[in-house]
Amino acid sequence: MNRGFCLLAQNNKDTNYIRQAYALALSLHKYNTGQRISLITNDIVPKEWQSVFDQIIPIPWTDSAEDSDWKIENRWKVYHASPYDETIVLEADMLITQDITHWWDELSKHDLFFVSNVKTYRNETVDSRFYRKTFDANNLPNLYSALHYFKKGNTAKEFYILLEIIVNNWELFYTRYAKEEYQKWCSIDVCAAIASKILGNEKEITNPNSFITFTHMKTRLQKWKNIPNNWTSVLGQYFRDDGTLLLGNYVQTNVLHYVEDNFLKDSVIEKLK
């Protein structure tokens, strides 16, 4: 079966997401041998970074996020751009800290799968709903699009076609399906949740008890009494010589969604090499 990882990355004025995608690909290769990785982007990829990707694929059609800071308006295009029969989609600001090749066996049981529970850096299940008020107020499926999977076929295609319509008309759909705790911006998580709610497929595309998850480093998810503005300012980050990553005193054994770009120092990339 033709399987691989797809990363969609577009730089904005503040963040070099291509650099993040390069680091993520390095970490994938470090812990998961023989995996295919494709980068979907219209940005220039430095020559010395290109070898970690099997393919660098232009964003299909026009750049829907040209005037956007968050660069999420193209995210629905991953289904159409992926060269694989089965695809794991990862956001660029993630790192792999272990072998996850066994995930394919579990994910292949699904046509489409989203993470719906995430972890703290201590590997505790996140229970904070601070960033999920819109989901709770509107009874939306608790999907995290930062890590999801799809298999080419009618089920995933139907979902992504609907996701395209929702993203391109998000204000209309928010008014109908997410009017409580209304968000004044387009969120791919909210759009994916609305698509799932319309299709009525939540039980088929996620499982809150699944071992497939990731560590989410947003500050208010960490069960801290005093909430810092940035986790990187209060939590030590250490790479051992063998490549093991520690945050504080906790060894990271999950997919790390580090969120804050200043975590990705040049020294981190050197360790991953």
Protein backbone atom coordinates (compact mmCIF):
# COMPACT_ATOMS: atom_id res chain seq x y z
CA MET A 1 0.00 0.00 0.00
CA ASN A 2 1.28 3.46 -0.93
CA ARG A 3 1.51 5.33 2.38
CA GLY A 4 3.09 8.59 3.43
CA PHE A 5 3.07 11.77 5.46
CA CYS A 6 1.95 15.13 4.05
CA LEU A 7 2.94 18.49 5.48
CA LEU A 8 1.39 21.69 4.15
CA ALA A 9 3.56 24.70 4.98
CA GLN A 10 3.45 28.35 4.00
CA ASN A 11 5.60 31.06 5.51
CA ASN A 12 4.09 34.24 6.86
CA LYS A 13 5.76 37.47 7.93
CA ASP A 14 6.53 36.11 11.40
CA THR A 15 7.23 32.38 11.03
CA ASN A 16 9.28 30.20 8.70
CA TYR A 17 6.98 27.20 8.43
CA ILE A 18 9.19 25.63 5.77
CA ARG A 19 11.97 25.44 8.36
CA GLN A 20 9.51 23.83 10.77
CA ALA A 21 8.49 21.29 8.13
CA TYR A 22 12.16 20.52 7.48
CA ALA A 23 12.72 19.84 11.21
CA LEU A 24 9.59 17.68 11.35
CA ALA A 25 10.79 15.64 8.36
CA LEU A 26 14.19 15.20 10.03
CA SER A 27 12.49 13.88 13.16
CA LEU A 28 10.32 11.52 11.14
CA HIS A 29 13.35 10.07 9.41
CA LYS A 30 15.26 9.82 12.68
CA TYR A 31 12.71 7.60 14.41
CA ASN A 32 10.76 6.04 11.50
CA THR A 33 12.86 4.43 8.80
CA GLY A 34 11.63 4.15 5.25
CA GLN A 35 8.72 6.59 5.52
CA ARG A 36 7.64 8.76 2.60
CA ILE A 37 7.20 12.47 3.27
CA SER A 38 5.77 15.08 0.92
CA LEU A 39 5.79 18.83 1.44
CA ILE A 40 2.96 20.85 -0.11
CA THR A 41 3.99 24.47 -0.58
CA ASN A 42 4.43 27.33 -3.03
CA ASP A 43 7.35 28.75 -1.03
CA ILE A 44 11.00 28.35 -1.94
CA VAL A 45 12.58 25.38 -0.18
CA PRO A 46 16.34 25.82 0.31
CA LYS A 47 18.31 23.25 -1.64
CA GLU A 48 19.95 21.82 1.47
CA TRP A 49 16.51 21.04 2.94
CA GLN A 50 14.99 19.39 -0.12
CA SER A 51 16.53 15.94 0.31
CA VAL A 52 14.39 15.09 3.38
CA PHE A 53 11.24 15.21 1.24
CA ASP A 54 10.31 12.62 -1.35
CA GLN A 55 8.24 15.19 -3.19
CA ILE A 56 7.69 18.93 -3.01
CA ILE A 57 4.22 19.55 -4.39
CA PRO A 58 2.79 22.93 -5.43
CA ILE A 59 -0.43 23.97 -3.71
CA PRO A 60 -3.23 23.04 -6.13
CA TRP A 61 -5.12 25.73 -7.97
CA THR A 62 -4.76 29.27 -6.66
CA ASP A 63 -3.28 30.21 -3.29
CA SER A 64 -6.38 30.74 -1.16
CA ALA A 65 -4.26 31.95 1.77
CA GLU A 66 -2.24 34.60 -0.05
CA ASP A 67 -3.59 37.42 2.14
CA SER A 68 -3.89 35.36 5.31
CA ASP A 69 -1.61 35.31 8.36
CA TRP A 70 -2.69 31.88 9.59
CA LYS A 71 -2.38 30.25 6.16
CA ILE A 72 -5.12 27.70 6.81
CA GLU A 73 -7.33 28.38 3.82
CA ASN A 74 -5.48 25.80 1.72
CA ARG A 75 -5.66 22.99 4.27
CA TRP A 76 -8.61 21.25 2.59
CA LYS A 77 -6.44 20.77 -0.50
CA VAL A 78 -4.22 18.17 1.21
CA TYR A 79 -6.59 15.38 0.18
CA HIS A 80 -6.35 16.38 -3.48
CA ALA A 81 -2.58 17.02 -3.40
CA SER A 82 -1.46 13.91 -1.54
CA PRO A 83 0.29 11.38 -3.79
CA TYR A 84 -0.48 8.54 -1.37
CA ASP A 85 -3.33 6.04 -1.02
CA GLU A 86 -3.08 6.51 2.75
CA THR A 87 -1.91 9.77 4.28
CA ILE A 88 -1.06 11.02 7.75
CA VAL A 89 -1.33 14.81 7.84
CA LEU A 90 0.84 16.69 10.34
CA GLU A 91 1.05 20.39 11.09
CA ALA A 92 4.48 21.84 10.47
CA ASP A 93 5.14 22.87 14.09
CA MET A 94 5.42 19.30 15.32
CA LEU A 95 8.28 16.92 16.06
CA ILE A 96 8.30 13.12 16.19
CA THR A 97 10.01 11.66 19.25
CA GLN A 98 9.47 7.93 18.72
CA ASP A 99 8.71 5.22 16.16
CA ILE A 100 5.07 5.60 15.10
CA THR A 101 5.11 3.24 12.13
CA HIS A 102 2.76 0.88 14.01
CA TRP A 103 0.10 3.58 13.76
CA TRP A 104 -0.50 2.63 10.14
CA ASP A 105 -2.03 -0.71 11.15
CA GLU A 106 -4.57 1.01 13.40
CA LEU A 107 -5.32 3.92 11.08
CA SER A 108 -5.86 1.66 8.06
CA LYS A 109 -8.99 0.35 9.79
CA HIS A 110 -10.54 3.77 9.08
CA ASP A 111 -11.28 5.80 5.97
CA LEU A 112 -10.78 9.01 7.92
CA PHE A 113 -9.48 9.57 11.44
CA PHE A 114 -8.92 12.64 13.65
CA VAL A 115 -7.30 12.87 17.06
CA SER A 116 -9.87 13.86 19.69
CA ASN A 117 -7.80 13.70 22.85
CA VAL A 118 -4.45 15.35 23.46
CA LYS A 119 -1.79 15.17 26.17
CA THR A 120 0.20 17.52 28.38
CA TYR A 121 3.98 17.37 28.35
CA ARG A 122 3.65 15.12 31.43
CA ASN A 123 1.59 12.71 29.30
CA GLU A 124 -1.61 13.54 31.19
CA THR A 125 -4.88 13.68 29.27
CA VAL A 126 -5.82 17.32 28.68
CA ASP A 127 -9.08 18.26 30.38
CA SER A 128 -9.02 22.03 29.92
CA ARG A 129 -11.68 23.36 27.57
CA PHE A 130 -10.26 26.89 27.48
CA TYR A 131 -9.56 26.75 23.74
CA ARG A 132 -12.65 24.66 22.95
CA LYS A 133 -15.49 26.89 24.12
CA THR A 134 -17.00 27.07 20.64
CA PHE A 135 -17.01 23.27 20.41
CA ASP A 136 -18.75 22.83 23.75
CA ALA A 137 -21.28 25.62 23.26
CA ASN A 138 -22.39 24.22 19.90
CA ASN A 139 -22.01 20.50 20.60
CA LEU A 140 -19.37 20.06 17.89
CA PRO A 141 -17.16 16.96 17.57
CA ASN A 142 -13.89 17.49 19.43
CA LEU A 143 -11.55 17.10 16.44
CA TYR A 144 -7.91 18.15 16.21
CA SER A 145 -6.84 18.52 12.60
CA ALA A 146 -3.16 18.98 13.49
CA LEU A 147 -2.83 15.19 13.25
CA HIS A 148 -5.24 13.26 11.11
CA TYR A 149 -5.37 10.45 8.57
CA PHE A 150 -7.28 9.70 5.42
CA LYS A 151 -7.53 6.92 2.89
CA LYS A 152 -8.28 7.90 -0.70
CA GLY A 153 -11.89 6.95 -1.40
CA ASN A 154 -15.47 8.18 -1.33
CA THR A 155 -15.68 8.72 2.44
CA ALA A 156 -12.68 11.01 2.73
CA LYS A 157 -13.39 12.71 -0.59
CA GLU A 158 -16.94 13.58 0.52
CA PHE A 159 -15.56 15.02 3.76
CA TYR A 160 -12.91 17.17 2.08
CA ILE A 161 -15.29 18.49 -0.57
CA LEU A 162 -17.62 19.60 2.22
CA LEU A 163 -14.65 21.02 4.15
CA GLU A 164 -13.74 23.12 1.09
CA ILE A 165 -17.25 24.58 0.99
CA ILE A 166 -17.20 25.34 4.72
CA VAL A 167 -13.75 26.97 4.67
CA ASN A 168 -14.70 29.15 1.71
CA ASN A 169 -17.97 30.17 3.37
CA TRP A 170 -17.00 29.91 7.03
CA GLU A 171 -19.02 32.89 8.28
CA LEU A 172 -22.21 31.41 6.85
CA PHE A 173 -21.56 27.99 8.38
CA TYR A 174 -20.47 29.46 11.73
CA THR A 175 -23.74 31.39 11.90
CA ARG A 176 -25.63 28.14 11.37
CA TYR A 177 -23.56 25.62 13.32
CA ALA A 178 -21.28 27.62 15.66
CA LYS A 179 -23.17 30.77 16.58
CA GLU A 180 -22.60 30.36 20.34
CA GLU A 181 -19.14 31.51 21.48
CA TYR A 182 -18.77 32.73 17.90
CA GLN A 183 -15.20 32.88 16.60
CA LYS A 184 -14.43 35.82 14.35
CA TRP A 185 -11.84 33.92 12.33
CA CYS A 186 -11.67 30.78 10.26
CA SER A 187 -10.41 27.79 12.23
CA ILE A 188 -9.71 24.54 10.41
CA ASP A 189 -10.60 22.59 13.57
CA VAL A 190 -14.00 24.24 13.80
CA CYS A 191 -14.59 23.80 10.07
CA ALA A 192 -13.68 20.09 10.27
CA ALA A 193 -15.98 19.67 13.27
CA ILE A 194 -18.86 21.30 11.40
CA ALA A 195 -18.24 18.98 8.43
CA SER A 196 -18.33 15.98 10.74
CA LYS A 197 -21.52 17.19 12.39
CA ILE A 198 -23.26 17.70 9.03
CA LEU A 199 -22.17 14.22 7.88
CA GLY A 200 -23.00 12.63 11.22
CA ASN A 201 -19.79 10.60 11.17
CA GLU A 202 -18.11 11.48 14.49
CA LYS A 203 -18.14 7.90 15.81
CA GLU A 204 -16.57 6.63 12.59
CA ILE A 205 -13.76 9.19 12.31
CA THR A 206 -12.48 9.54 15.88
CA ASN A 207 -12.12 7.70 19.17
CA PRO A 208 -11.26 9.62 22.36
CA ASN A 209 -9.75 6.43 23.80
CA SER A 210 -7.36 5.87 20.90
CA PHE A 211 -3.62 5.60 21.57
CA ILE A 212 -3.11 7.86 18.54
CA THR A 213 -2.68 11.29 20.04
CA PHE A 214 -0.17 14.12 20.41
CA THR A 215 1.27 16.40 23.07
CA HIS A 216 -0.27 19.85 22.76
CA MET A 217 1.92 22.58 24.24
CA LYS A 218 -0.55 25.46 24.45
CA THR A 219 0.04 26.95 27.88
CA ARG A 220 -3.48 26.64 29.33
CA LEU A 221 -3.55 22.90 28.64
CA GLN A 222 -0.63 22.03 30.94
CA LYS A 223 -2.53 22.04 34.27
CA TRP A 224 -0.36 24.83 35.64
CA LYS A 225 -1.66 27.09 38.42
CA ASN A 226 0.20 30.10 37.07
CA ILE A 227 -0.19 30.44 33.31
CA PRO A 228 2.83 31.91 31.49
CA ASN A 229 2.55 33.71 28.19
CA ASN A 230 4.99 31.22 26.65
CA TRP A 231 5.79 27.71 27.83
CA THR A 232 9.31 28.00 26.45
CA SER A 233 10.05 30.74 29.01
CA VAL A 234 9.33 28.53 32.04
CA LEU A 235 10.08 24.96 30.97
CA GLY A 236 13.56 23.66 30.27
CA GLN A 237 14.20 21.91 26.98
CA TYR A 238 17.00 19.36 26.80
CA PHE A 239 18.21 17.03 24.07
CA ARG A 240 20.32 14.12 25.23
CA ASP A 241 23.14 12.88 23.04
CA ASP A 242 20.96 9.94 21.92
CA GLY A 243 18.32 12.38 20.65
CA THR A 244 15.90 11.93 23.54
CA LEU A 245 13.97 15.14 24.24
CA LEU A 246 13.11 16.22 27.78
CA LEU A 247 10.74 19.02 28.69
CA GLY A 248 11.38 19.78 32.32
CA ASN A 249 12.12 16.35 33.79
CA TYR A 250 9.75 14.52 31.43
CA VAL A 251 11.00 12.44 28.52
CA GLN A 252 8.86 13.08 25.45
CA THR A 253 7.61 9.90 23.80
CA ASN A 254 4.77 11.32 21.75
CA VAL A 255 4.27 13.54 18.73
CA LEU A 256 5.10 17.01 20.08
CA HIS A 257 3.00 19.94 18.89
CA TYR A 258 5.32 22.61 20.24
CA VAL A 259 3.28 25.59 18.93
CA GLU A 260 5.92 28.23 19.80
CA ASP A 261 8.44 28.75 17.00
CA ASN A 262 11.21 29.91 19.34
CA PHE A 263 11.43 26.32 20.64
CA LEU A 264 12.94 25.31 17.29
CA LYS A 265 16.44 26.62 17.84
CA ASP A 266 19.22 25.83 15.39
CA SER A 267 20.67 23.50 18.03
CA VAL A 268 17.46 21.43 17.95
CA ILE A 269 17.76 20.98 14.21
CA GLU A 270 21.43 20.01 14.56
CA LYS A 271 20.45 17.30 17.07
CA LEU A 272 17.83 15.97 14.66
CA LYS A 273 20.38 15.75 11.87
